[in-house]
N, C-alpha and C. Protein backbone atom coordinates (compact mmCIF):
# COMPACT_ATOMS: atom_id res chain seq x y z
N MET A 1 -21.61 -11.93 -74.44
CA MET A 1 -23.05 -11.84 -74.22
C MET A 1 -23.52 -10.46 -74.70
N SER A 2 -24.37 -10.44 -75.71
CA SER A 2 -24.76 -9.17 -76.31
C SER A 2 -25.87 -8.48 -75.53
N GLU A 3 -26.84 -9.26 -75.05
CA GLU A 3 -27.96 -8.66 -74.35
C GLU A 3 -27.63 -8.47 -72.88
N ALA A 4 -28.16 -7.43 -72.29
CA ALA A 4 -27.94 -7.19 -70.87
C ALA A 4 -29.13 -7.71 -70.07
N ALA A 5 -28.82 -8.21 -68.89
CA ALA A 5 -29.89 -8.66 -68.01
C ALA A 5 -30.44 -7.46 -67.25
N ASN A 6 -31.73 -7.51 -66.98
CA ASN A 6 -32.39 -6.48 -66.18
C ASN A 6 -33.22 -7.15 -65.11
N TRP A 7 -33.61 -6.37 -64.12
CA TRP A 7 -34.50 -6.87 -63.07
C TRP A 7 -35.94 -6.59 -63.48
N TYR A 8 -36.76 -7.64 -63.40
CA TYR A 8 -38.18 -7.53 -63.71
C TYR A 8 -38.99 -7.95 -62.48
N VAL A 9 -40.21 -7.43 -62.41
CA VAL A 9 -41.12 -7.78 -61.31
C VAL A 9 -42.20 -8.68 -61.86
N VAL A 10 -42.44 -9.79 -61.15
CA VAL A 10 -43.46 -10.75 -61.54
C VAL A 10 -44.52 -10.78 -60.44
N HIS A 11 -45.78 -10.71 -60.83
CA HIS A 11 -46.89 -10.79 -59.88
C HIS A 11 -47.27 -12.25 -59.69
N THR A 12 -47.48 -12.64 -58.41
CA THR A 12 -47.85 -14.04 -58.12
C THR A 12 -49.11 -14.07 -57.27
N TYR A 13 -49.70 -15.25 -57.19
CA TYR A 13 -50.79 -15.41 -56.22
C TYR A 13 -50.20 -15.18 -54.84
N SER A 14 -51.00 -14.59 -53.94
CA SER A 14 -50.54 -14.32 -52.59
C SER A 14 -50.14 -15.62 -51.90
N GLY A 15 -48.97 -15.61 -51.27
CA GLY A 15 -48.48 -16.78 -50.57
C GLY A 15 -47.71 -17.75 -51.45
N TYR A 16 -47.64 -17.49 -52.75
CA TYR A 16 -46.95 -18.38 -53.68
C TYR A 16 -45.54 -17.91 -54.02
N GLU A 17 -45.09 -16.79 -53.41
CA GLU A 17 -43.83 -16.18 -53.82
C GLU A 17 -42.66 -17.17 -53.76
N ASN A 18 -42.50 -17.86 -52.62
CA ASN A 18 -41.36 -18.77 -52.47
C ASN A 18 -41.50 -19.99 -53.38
N LYS A 19 -42.72 -20.47 -53.57
CA LYS A 19 -42.95 -21.62 -54.46
C LYS A 19 -42.60 -21.23 -55.90
N VAL A 20 -43.01 -20.03 -56.31
CA VAL A 20 -42.68 -19.54 -57.66
C VAL A 20 -41.16 -19.45 -57.81
N LYS A 21 -40.48 -18.91 -56.81
CA LYS A 21 -39.01 -18.78 -56.84
C LYS A 21 -38.38 -20.16 -57.05
N ILE A 22 -38.78 -21.14 -56.24
CA ILE A 22 -38.22 -22.49 -56.33
C ILE A 22 -38.54 -23.13 -57.69
N ASP A 23 -39.80 -22.99 -58.15
CA ASP A 23 -40.18 -23.58 -59.44
C ASP A 23 -39.38 -22.99 -60.60
N ILE A 24 -39.20 -21.65 -60.58
CA ILE A 24 -38.43 -21.01 -61.65
C ILE A 24 -36.97 -21.47 -61.59
N GLU A 25 -36.40 -21.54 -60.37
CA GLU A 25 -35.01 -21.99 -60.23
C GLU A 25 -34.84 -23.43 -60.73
N ASN A 26 -35.82 -24.30 -60.47
CA ASN A 26 -35.76 -25.68 -60.97
C ASN A 26 -35.83 -25.72 -62.49
N THR A 27 -36.72 -24.90 -63.07
CA THR A 27 -36.85 -24.84 -64.52
C THR A 27 -35.56 -24.32 -65.16
N ILE A 28 -34.92 -23.33 -64.53
CA ILE A 28 -33.66 -22.79 -65.03
C ILE A 28 -32.63 -23.92 -65.15
N ARG A 29 -32.53 -24.72 -64.07
CA ARG A 29 -31.58 -25.85 -64.08
C ARG A 29 -31.95 -26.88 -65.14
N ASN A 30 -33.22 -27.27 -65.18
CA ASN A 30 -33.67 -28.30 -66.13
C ASN A 30 -33.46 -27.89 -67.58
N ARG A 31 -33.71 -26.62 -67.89
CA ARG A 31 -33.61 -26.14 -69.28
C ARG A 31 -32.27 -25.49 -69.58
N LYS A 32 -31.36 -25.52 -68.60
CA LYS A 32 -30.02 -24.93 -68.76
C LYS A 32 -30.08 -23.46 -69.17
N LEU A 33 -30.87 -22.70 -68.43
CA LEU A 33 -31.04 -21.26 -68.73
C LEU A 33 -30.27 -20.38 -67.75
N GLU A 34 -29.25 -20.96 -67.06
CA GLU A 34 -28.52 -20.20 -66.04
C GLU A 34 -27.89 -18.92 -66.58
N ASP A 35 -27.57 -18.91 -67.88
CA ASP A 35 -26.94 -17.72 -68.45
C ASP A 35 -27.96 -16.68 -68.91
N GLN A 36 -29.26 -17.01 -68.80
CA GLN A 36 -30.31 -16.07 -69.23
C GLN A 36 -31.18 -15.59 -68.07
N ILE A 37 -31.47 -16.47 -67.12
CA ILE A 37 -32.20 -16.08 -65.90
C ILE A 37 -31.20 -16.23 -64.77
N LEU A 38 -30.67 -15.08 -64.30
CA LEU A 38 -29.53 -15.08 -63.42
C LEU A 38 -29.89 -15.20 -61.94
N GLU A 39 -30.99 -14.59 -61.54
CA GLU A 39 -31.35 -14.62 -60.12
C GLU A 39 -32.85 -14.42 -59.95
N VAL A 40 -33.41 -15.14 -58.98
CA VAL A 40 -34.82 -15.02 -58.63
C VAL A 40 -34.83 -14.72 -57.14
N THR A 41 -35.51 -13.64 -56.73
CA THR A 41 -35.47 -13.28 -55.32
C THR A 41 -36.83 -12.81 -54.81
N VAL A 42 -37.08 -13.11 -53.55
CA VAL A 42 -38.26 -12.61 -52.84
C VAL A 42 -37.68 -11.69 -51.76
N PRO A 43 -37.69 -10.36 -52.01
CA PRO A 43 -37.06 -9.44 -51.05
C PRO A 43 -37.72 -9.51 -49.67
N MET A 44 -36.87 -9.67 -48.64
CA MET A 44 -37.34 -9.77 -47.26
C MET A 44 -36.82 -8.57 -46.47
N GLN A 45 -37.51 -8.28 -45.37
CA GLN A 45 -37.05 -7.23 -44.46
C GLN A 45 -37.26 -7.70 -43.03
N ASP A 46 -36.37 -7.23 -42.14
CA ASP A 46 -36.51 -7.56 -40.73
C ASP A 46 -37.52 -6.62 -40.10
N VAL A 47 -38.49 -7.19 -39.39
CA VAL A 47 -39.54 -6.42 -38.74
C VAL A 47 -39.64 -6.89 -37.30
N VAL A 48 -39.87 -5.95 -36.38
CA VAL A 48 -40.06 -6.32 -34.98
C VAL A 48 -41.56 -6.44 -34.72
N GLU A 49 -41.98 -7.64 -34.29
CA GLU A 49 -43.38 -7.87 -33.96
C GLU A 49 -43.51 -8.00 -32.45
N VAL A 50 -44.66 -7.58 -31.94
CA VAL A 50 -44.92 -7.76 -30.52
C VAL A 50 -46.05 -8.77 -30.38
N LYS A 51 -45.72 -9.92 -29.78
CA LYS A 51 -46.72 -10.96 -29.54
C LYS A 51 -46.71 -11.30 -28.07
N ASN A 52 -47.86 -11.29 -27.45
CA ASN A 52 -48.00 -11.58 -26.02
C ASN A 52 -47.04 -10.73 -25.19
N GLY A 53 -46.87 -9.48 -25.60
CA GLY A 53 -46.01 -8.55 -24.86
C GLY A 53 -44.53 -8.73 -25.10
N ALA A 54 -44.14 -9.70 -25.91
CA ALA A 54 -42.71 -9.94 -26.18
C ALA A 54 -42.37 -9.48 -27.59
N LYS A 55 -41.23 -8.76 -27.69
CA LYS A 55 -40.77 -8.32 -29.01
C LYS A 55 -39.99 -9.46 -29.66
N LYS A 56 -40.24 -9.63 -30.95
CA LYS A 56 -39.57 -10.70 -31.68
C LYS A 56 -39.23 -10.19 -33.07
N GLN A 57 -37.99 -10.42 -33.49
CA GLN A 57 -37.58 -9.99 -34.83
C GLN A 57 -37.92 -11.11 -35.82
N VAL A 58 -38.68 -10.75 -36.86
CA VAL A 58 -39.06 -11.72 -37.87
C VAL A 58 -38.77 -11.16 -39.26
N GLN A 59 -38.70 -12.05 -40.23
CA GLN A 59 -38.51 -11.61 -41.61
C GLN A 59 -39.87 -11.64 -42.31
N LYS A 60 -40.19 -10.54 -42.97
CA LYS A 60 -41.44 -10.43 -43.71
C LYS A 60 -41.11 -10.10 -45.16
N LYS A 61 -42.00 -10.50 -46.05
CA LYS A 61 -41.82 -10.16 -47.46
C LYS A 61 -42.01 -8.65 -47.64
N MET A 62 -41.08 -8.03 -48.34
CA MET A 62 -41.20 -6.59 -48.62
C MET A 62 -42.39 -6.30 -49.51
N PHE A 63 -42.62 -7.19 -50.50
CA PHE A 63 -43.68 -6.99 -51.48
C PHE A 63 -44.49 -8.26 -51.63
N PRO A 64 -45.43 -8.50 -50.70
CA PRO A 64 -46.23 -9.73 -50.82
C PRO A 64 -46.90 -9.80 -52.19
N GLY A 65 -46.82 -10.97 -52.82
CA GLY A 65 -47.42 -11.15 -54.13
C GLY A 65 -46.50 -10.82 -55.29
N TYR A 66 -45.21 -10.54 -55.00
CA TYR A 66 -44.28 -10.19 -56.07
C TYR A 66 -42.95 -10.93 -55.90
N VAL A 67 -42.33 -11.25 -57.03
CA VAL A 67 -41.01 -11.87 -57.07
C VAL A 67 -40.18 -11.04 -58.04
N LEU A 68 -38.90 -10.82 -57.71
CA LEU A 68 -38.00 -10.08 -58.60
C LEU A 68 -37.10 -11.06 -59.33
N ILE A 69 -36.92 -10.83 -60.62
CA ILE A 69 -36.11 -11.73 -61.42
C ILE A 69 -35.10 -10.94 -62.26
N ASN A 70 -33.82 -11.32 -62.15
CA ASN A 70 -32.77 -10.72 -62.96
C ASN A 70 -32.58 -11.63 -64.16
N MET A 71 -32.97 -11.14 -65.34
CA MET A 71 -32.99 -12.01 -66.52
C MET A 71 -32.77 -11.23 -67.80
N ILE A 72 -32.39 -11.97 -68.83
CA ILE A 72 -32.34 -11.43 -70.19
C ILE A 72 -33.71 -11.75 -70.78
N MET A 73 -34.44 -10.72 -71.16
CA MET A 73 -35.80 -10.91 -71.67
C MET A 73 -35.75 -11.36 -73.12
N ASN A 74 -36.29 -12.55 -73.37
CA ASN A 74 -36.47 -13.03 -74.74
C ASN A 74 -37.69 -13.96 -74.72
N ASP A 75 -38.06 -14.51 -75.85
CA ASP A 75 -39.26 -15.35 -75.92
C ASP A 75 -39.17 -16.55 -74.98
N ASP A 76 -37.99 -17.20 -74.91
CA ASP A 76 -37.82 -18.38 -74.06
C ASP A 76 -37.98 -18.04 -72.58
N THR A 77 -37.25 -17.00 -72.13
CA THR A 77 -37.28 -16.69 -70.70
C THR A 77 -38.66 -16.15 -70.31
N TRP A 78 -39.26 -15.34 -71.18
CA TRP A 78 -40.61 -14.82 -70.91
C TRP A 78 -41.57 -16.00 -70.73
N TYR A 79 -41.50 -16.97 -71.64
CA TYR A 79 -42.39 -18.13 -71.62
C TYR A 79 -42.21 -18.94 -70.33
N VAL A 80 -40.95 -19.20 -69.97
CA VAL A 80 -40.65 -19.99 -68.77
C VAL A 80 -41.25 -19.32 -67.53
N VAL A 81 -41.00 -18.03 -67.38
CA VAL A 81 -41.49 -17.32 -66.18
C VAL A 81 -43.01 -17.21 -66.22
N ARG A 82 -43.55 -16.78 -67.35
CA ARG A 82 -44.99 -16.54 -67.47
C ARG A 82 -45.81 -17.81 -67.25
N ASN A 83 -45.25 -18.97 -67.62
CA ASN A 83 -45.98 -20.22 -67.51
C ASN A 83 -45.63 -21.02 -66.25
N THR A 84 -45.00 -20.36 -65.28
CA THR A 84 -44.74 -21.00 -63.99
C THR A 84 -46.01 -20.95 -63.17
N ARG A 85 -46.39 -22.08 -62.57
CA ARG A 85 -47.62 -22.11 -61.77
C ARG A 85 -47.53 -21.08 -60.64
N GLY A 86 -48.57 -20.27 -60.48
CA GLY A 86 -48.60 -19.25 -59.43
C GLY A 86 -48.28 -17.85 -59.95
N VAL A 87 -47.69 -17.76 -61.15
CA VAL A 87 -47.37 -16.45 -61.75
C VAL A 87 -48.60 -15.94 -62.48
N THR A 88 -48.99 -14.69 -62.18
CA THR A 88 -50.13 -14.11 -62.88
C THR A 88 -49.68 -13.16 -64.00
N GLY A 89 -48.40 -12.77 -63.98
CA GLY A 89 -47.91 -11.94 -65.07
C GLY A 89 -46.74 -11.07 -64.66
N PHE A 90 -46.12 -10.45 -65.66
CA PHE A 90 -45.06 -9.47 -65.41
C PHE A 90 -45.69 -8.13 -65.10
N VAL A 91 -44.99 -7.30 -64.33
CA VAL A 91 -45.47 -5.95 -64.06
C VAL A 91 -45.04 -5.06 -65.22
N GLY A 92 -46.02 -4.39 -65.81
CA GLY A 92 -45.76 -3.51 -66.95
C GLY A 92 -47.07 -3.28 -67.68
N PRO A 93 -47.11 -2.29 -68.59
CA PRO A 93 -48.35 -2.02 -69.30
C PRO A 93 -48.69 -3.13 -70.28
N GLY A 94 -49.93 -3.56 -70.28
CA GLY A 94 -50.35 -4.65 -71.16
C GLY A 94 -49.59 -5.91 -70.79
N SER A 95 -49.01 -6.55 -71.78
CA SER A 95 -48.25 -7.76 -71.47
C SER A 95 -46.75 -7.50 -71.65
N LYS A 96 -46.39 -6.21 -71.72
CA LYS A 96 -44.97 -5.88 -71.94
C LYS A 96 -44.25 -5.67 -70.61
N PRO A 97 -43.33 -6.58 -70.27
CA PRO A 97 -42.58 -6.42 -69.01
C PRO A 97 -41.68 -5.19 -69.07
N VAL A 98 -41.65 -4.43 -67.99
CA VAL A 98 -40.81 -3.23 -67.92
C VAL A 98 -39.75 -3.46 -66.85
N PRO A 99 -38.45 -3.34 -67.22
CA PRO A 99 -37.41 -3.56 -66.21
C PRO A 99 -37.39 -2.45 -65.17
N LEU A 100 -36.93 -2.81 -63.97
CA LEU A 100 -36.77 -1.81 -62.91
C LEU A 100 -35.61 -0.89 -63.28
N THR A 101 -35.70 0.36 -62.88
CA THR A 101 -34.60 1.30 -63.10
C THR A 101 -33.61 1.16 -61.94
N GLU A 102 -32.41 1.67 -62.13
CA GLU A 102 -31.42 1.62 -61.05
C GLU A 102 -31.94 2.35 -59.82
N ALA A 103 -32.67 3.46 -60.05
CA ALA A 103 -33.21 4.23 -58.92
C ALA A 103 -34.23 3.41 -58.13
N GLU A 104 -35.01 2.58 -58.83
CA GLU A 104 -36.00 1.73 -58.16
C GLU A 104 -35.33 0.59 -57.39
N MET A 105 -34.17 0.14 -57.88
CA MET A 105 -33.49 -1.00 -57.26
C MET A 105 -32.67 -0.64 -56.04
N LYS A 106 -32.12 0.57 -56.01
CA LYS A 106 -31.25 0.97 -54.89
C LYS A 106 -31.89 0.77 -53.51
N PRO A 107 -33.15 1.26 -53.28
CA PRO A 107 -33.74 1.08 -51.95
C PRO A 107 -34.00 -0.39 -51.59
N LEU A 108 -34.00 -1.28 -52.58
CA LEU A 108 -34.22 -2.71 -52.32
C LEU A 108 -32.93 -3.39 -51.89
N GLY A 109 -31.81 -2.65 -51.96
CA GLY A 109 -30.54 -3.25 -51.60
C GLY A 109 -29.99 -4.13 -52.71
N ILE A 110 -30.56 -4.01 -53.91
CA ILE A 110 -30.08 -4.80 -55.04
C ILE A 110 -29.01 -4.00 -55.74
N LYS A 111 -27.86 -4.60 -55.86
CA LYS A 111 -26.74 -3.93 -56.53
C LYS A 111 -26.82 -4.21 -58.02
N THR A 112 -26.51 -3.19 -58.80
CA THR A 112 -26.45 -3.39 -60.23
C THR A 112 -25.02 -3.79 -60.57
N VAL A 113 -24.82 -4.30 -61.78
CA VAL A 113 -23.49 -4.75 -62.18
C VAL A 113 -22.48 -3.61 -62.02
N ARG A 114 -22.91 -2.39 -62.32
CA ARG A 114 -21.99 -1.27 -62.21
C ARG A 114 -21.68 -0.92 -60.77
N ASP A 115 -22.59 -1.24 -59.84
CA ASP A 115 -22.36 -0.93 -58.43
C ASP A 115 -21.42 -1.93 -57.76
N ALA A 116 -21.56 -3.19 -58.11
CA ALA A 116 -20.90 -4.25 -57.36
C ALA A 116 -19.41 -4.29 -57.64
N GLU A 117 -18.64 -3.97 -56.63
CA GLU A 117 -17.20 -4.10 -56.71
C GLU A 117 -16.80 -5.03 -55.59
N VAL A 118 -15.99 -6.03 -55.93
CA VAL A 118 -15.58 -6.97 -54.90
C VAL A 118 -14.17 -6.63 -54.46
N ASP A 119 -13.93 -6.74 -53.16
CA ASP A 119 -12.61 -6.42 -52.62
C ASP A 119 -11.85 -7.70 -52.27
N TYR A 120 -12.22 -8.80 -52.95
CA TYR A 120 -11.55 -10.08 -52.74
C TYR A 120 -11.29 -10.72 -54.09
N GLY A 121 -10.43 -11.69 -54.09
CA GLY A 121 -10.10 -12.38 -55.34
C GLY A 121 -10.06 -13.88 -55.12
N VAL A 122 -9.76 -14.62 -56.19
CA VAL A 122 -9.64 -16.07 -56.10
C VAL A 122 -8.53 -16.42 -55.10
N GLY A 123 -8.84 -17.34 -54.20
CA GLY A 123 -7.88 -17.75 -53.18
C GLY A 123 -8.07 -17.06 -51.84
N ASP A 124 -8.86 -15.96 -51.82
CA ASP A 124 -9.11 -15.23 -50.56
C ASP A 124 -10.18 -15.94 -49.73
N SER A 125 -10.10 -15.77 -48.40
CA SER A 125 -11.14 -16.27 -47.50
C SER A 125 -12.24 -15.23 -47.39
N ILE A 126 -13.49 -15.69 -47.49
CA ILE A 126 -14.62 -14.78 -47.31
C ILE A 126 -15.61 -15.37 -46.33
N LEU A 127 -16.42 -14.48 -45.75
CA LEU A 127 -17.44 -14.88 -44.79
C LEU A 127 -18.80 -14.68 -45.44
N VAL A 128 -19.66 -15.69 -45.32
CA VAL A 128 -21.01 -15.58 -45.85
C VAL A 128 -21.85 -14.82 -44.82
N THR A 129 -22.53 -13.74 -45.27
CA THR A 129 -23.22 -12.85 -44.34
C THR A 129 -24.73 -13.07 -44.30
N SER A 130 -25.28 -13.85 -45.26
CA SER A 130 -26.72 -14.10 -45.24
C SER A 130 -27.03 -15.38 -45.98
N GLY A 131 -28.28 -15.80 -45.88
CA GLY A 131 -28.73 -16.99 -46.60
C GLY A 131 -28.44 -18.27 -45.84
N VAL A 132 -28.58 -19.40 -46.52
CA VAL A 132 -28.43 -20.72 -45.92
C VAL A 132 -27.04 -20.93 -45.34
N TRP A 133 -26.04 -20.36 -46.00
CA TRP A 133 -24.64 -20.59 -45.58
C TRP A 133 -24.12 -19.51 -44.65
N LYS A 134 -25.00 -18.68 -44.08
CA LYS A 134 -24.60 -17.59 -43.17
C LYS A 134 -23.59 -18.08 -42.13
N ASP A 135 -22.56 -17.26 -41.89
CA ASP A 135 -21.49 -17.52 -40.93
C ASP A 135 -20.50 -18.60 -41.39
N THR A 136 -20.63 -19.06 -42.63
CA THR A 136 -19.68 -20.03 -43.18
C THR A 136 -18.50 -19.27 -43.75
N VAL A 137 -17.30 -19.82 -43.55
CA VAL A 137 -16.09 -19.25 -44.13
C VAL A 137 -15.69 -20.14 -45.29
N GLY A 138 -15.33 -19.53 -46.41
CA GLY A 138 -14.93 -20.31 -47.57
C GLY A 138 -13.82 -19.64 -48.35
N ILE A 139 -13.19 -20.42 -49.20
CA ILE A 139 -12.12 -19.91 -50.07
C ILE A 139 -12.72 -19.67 -51.46
N VAL A 140 -12.48 -18.47 -52.01
CA VAL A 140 -13.02 -18.13 -53.33
C VAL A 140 -12.30 -18.95 -54.40
N THR A 141 -13.10 -19.66 -55.24
CA THR A 141 -12.53 -20.43 -56.33
C THR A 141 -12.83 -19.79 -57.68
N ARG A 142 -13.93 -19.00 -57.75
CA ARG A 142 -14.32 -18.36 -59.01
C ARG A 142 -15.15 -17.13 -58.73
N ILE A 143 -15.01 -16.12 -59.58
CA ILE A 143 -15.82 -14.91 -59.47
C ILE A 143 -16.43 -14.65 -60.85
N SER A 144 -17.77 -14.53 -60.91
CA SER A 144 -18.44 -14.23 -62.17
C SER A 144 -19.03 -12.82 -62.07
N GLN A 145 -18.37 -11.86 -62.70
CA GLN A 145 -18.81 -10.47 -62.65
C GLN A 145 -20.17 -10.31 -63.32
N GLU A 146 -20.39 -10.97 -64.49
CA GLU A 146 -21.65 -10.76 -65.20
C GLU A 146 -22.84 -11.38 -64.46
N LYS A 147 -22.62 -12.51 -63.76
CA LYS A 147 -23.71 -13.12 -63.01
C LYS A 147 -23.77 -12.59 -61.57
N GLN A 148 -22.74 -11.84 -61.17
CA GLN A 148 -22.67 -11.31 -59.80
C GLN A 148 -22.63 -12.45 -58.79
N ILE A 149 -21.85 -13.49 -59.12
CA ILE A 149 -21.79 -14.68 -58.28
C ILE A 149 -20.34 -15.00 -57.95
N VAL A 150 -20.11 -15.40 -56.71
CA VAL A 150 -18.81 -15.88 -56.28
C VAL A 150 -18.98 -17.36 -55.90
N THR A 151 -18.01 -18.17 -56.30
CA THR A 151 -18.06 -19.59 -55.96
C THR A 151 -17.01 -19.84 -54.88
N ILE A 152 -17.43 -20.49 -53.80
CA ILE A 152 -16.51 -20.85 -52.72
C ILE A 152 -16.59 -22.34 -52.48
N ASN A 153 -15.55 -22.89 -51.87
CA ASN A 153 -15.58 -24.29 -51.47
C ASN A 153 -15.90 -24.34 -49.97
N VAL A 154 -16.87 -25.17 -49.61
CA VAL A 154 -17.21 -25.37 -48.20
C VAL A 154 -17.03 -26.85 -47.88
N ASP A 155 -16.78 -27.14 -46.61
CA ASP A 155 -16.59 -28.52 -46.18
C ASP A 155 -17.95 -29.11 -45.85
N MET A 156 -18.39 -30.11 -46.66
CA MET A 156 -19.68 -30.73 -46.41
C MET A 156 -19.47 -32.24 -46.42
N PHE A 157 -19.86 -32.89 -45.34
CA PHE A 157 -19.70 -34.34 -45.19
C PHE A 157 -18.26 -34.76 -45.46
N GLY A 158 -17.33 -33.95 -44.98
CA GLY A 158 -15.92 -34.31 -45.07
C GLY A 158 -15.28 -34.11 -46.43
N ARG A 159 -15.99 -33.45 -47.35
CA ARG A 159 -15.35 -33.17 -48.65
C ARG A 159 -15.66 -31.74 -49.10
N GLU A 160 -14.77 -31.23 -49.92
CA GLU A 160 -14.93 -29.88 -50.46
C GLU A 160 -16.07 -29.85 -51.45
N THR A 161 -17.00 -28.92 -51.26
CA THR A 161 -18.16 -28.80 -52.15
C THR A 161 -18.26 -27.36 -52.62
N PRO A 162 -18.34 -27.12 -53.95
CA PRO A 162 -18.49 -25.74 -54.43
C PRO A 162 -19.90 -25.20 -54.18
N VAL A 163 -19.97 -23.95 -53.74
CA VAL A 163 -21.25 -23.29 -53.48
C VAL A 163 -21.23 -21.93 -54.17
N GLU A 164 -22.29 -21.63 -54.94
CA GLU A 164 -22.39 -20.33 -55.61
C GLU A 164 -23.22 -19.39 -54.76
N LEU A 165 -22.69 -18.19 -54.54
CA LEU A 165 -23.37 -17.19 -53.73
C LEU A 165 -23.37 -15.85 -54.46
N SER A 166 -24.37 -15.05 -54.16
CA SER A 166 -24.45 -13.70 -54.73
C SER A 166 -23.40 -12.81 -54.07
N PHE A 167 -22.89 -11.83 -54.81
CA PHE A 167 -21.94 -10.86 -54.26
C PHE A 167 -22.49 -10.22 -52.98
N THR A 168 -23.82 -10.09 -52.91
CA THR A 168 -24.44 -9.40 -51.77
C THR A 168 -24.46 -10.27 -50.52
N GLU A 169 -24.13 -11.58 -50.65
CA GLU A 169 -24.21 -12.49 -49.50
C GLU A 169 -22.88 -12.73 -48.80
N VAL A 170 -21.79 -12.11 -49.31
CA VAL A 170 -20.47 -12.40 -48.75
C VAL A 170 -19.69 -11.12 -48.49
N LYS A 171 -18.65 -11.26 -47.63
CA LYS A 171 -17.72 -10.14 -47.42
C LYS A 171 -16.34 -10.71 -47.16
N LYS A 172 -15.33 -9.89 -47.46
CA LYS A 172 -13.95 -10.30 -47.25
C LYS A 172 -13.65 -10.39 -45.76
N MET A 173 -12.86 -11.38 -45.39
CA MET A 173 -12.50 -11.53 -43.97
C MET A 173 -11.30 -10.67 -43.63
């Protein structure tokens, strides 16, 4: 792979962040762009709210109206993202998308390819620490350094099912 993927910021209509994420992920699958658009994320943070005198921990969007995308920028990927319903444009001067710098990404908890080192290998047991599969234990079947994805097998409906997770969602047991 000659081109490197970078993180870009996309502006969306308010409240459309998750819909944009899902729509882009569906388009990636339909157009087989998994090797060009690697990850779409809506950064969340834990916030303590007080309602009726009771404290409650909730997840809030860090940047309402924005979605972060790890992608290789080219005409195809730009077109797919830009023409997703709810997207108003890439963040950058004019119509030129500007990738986030490593310094801008660090406080977001986003690891760059150079940062991410895994302390597990194929065949090791790992624990999922966030996302839909949180608290699931799985056996590593594949590790993709360039996509920053680990594939594990989980037991679903009595059969082994492969699940792809970000390096940031798992830890060695």
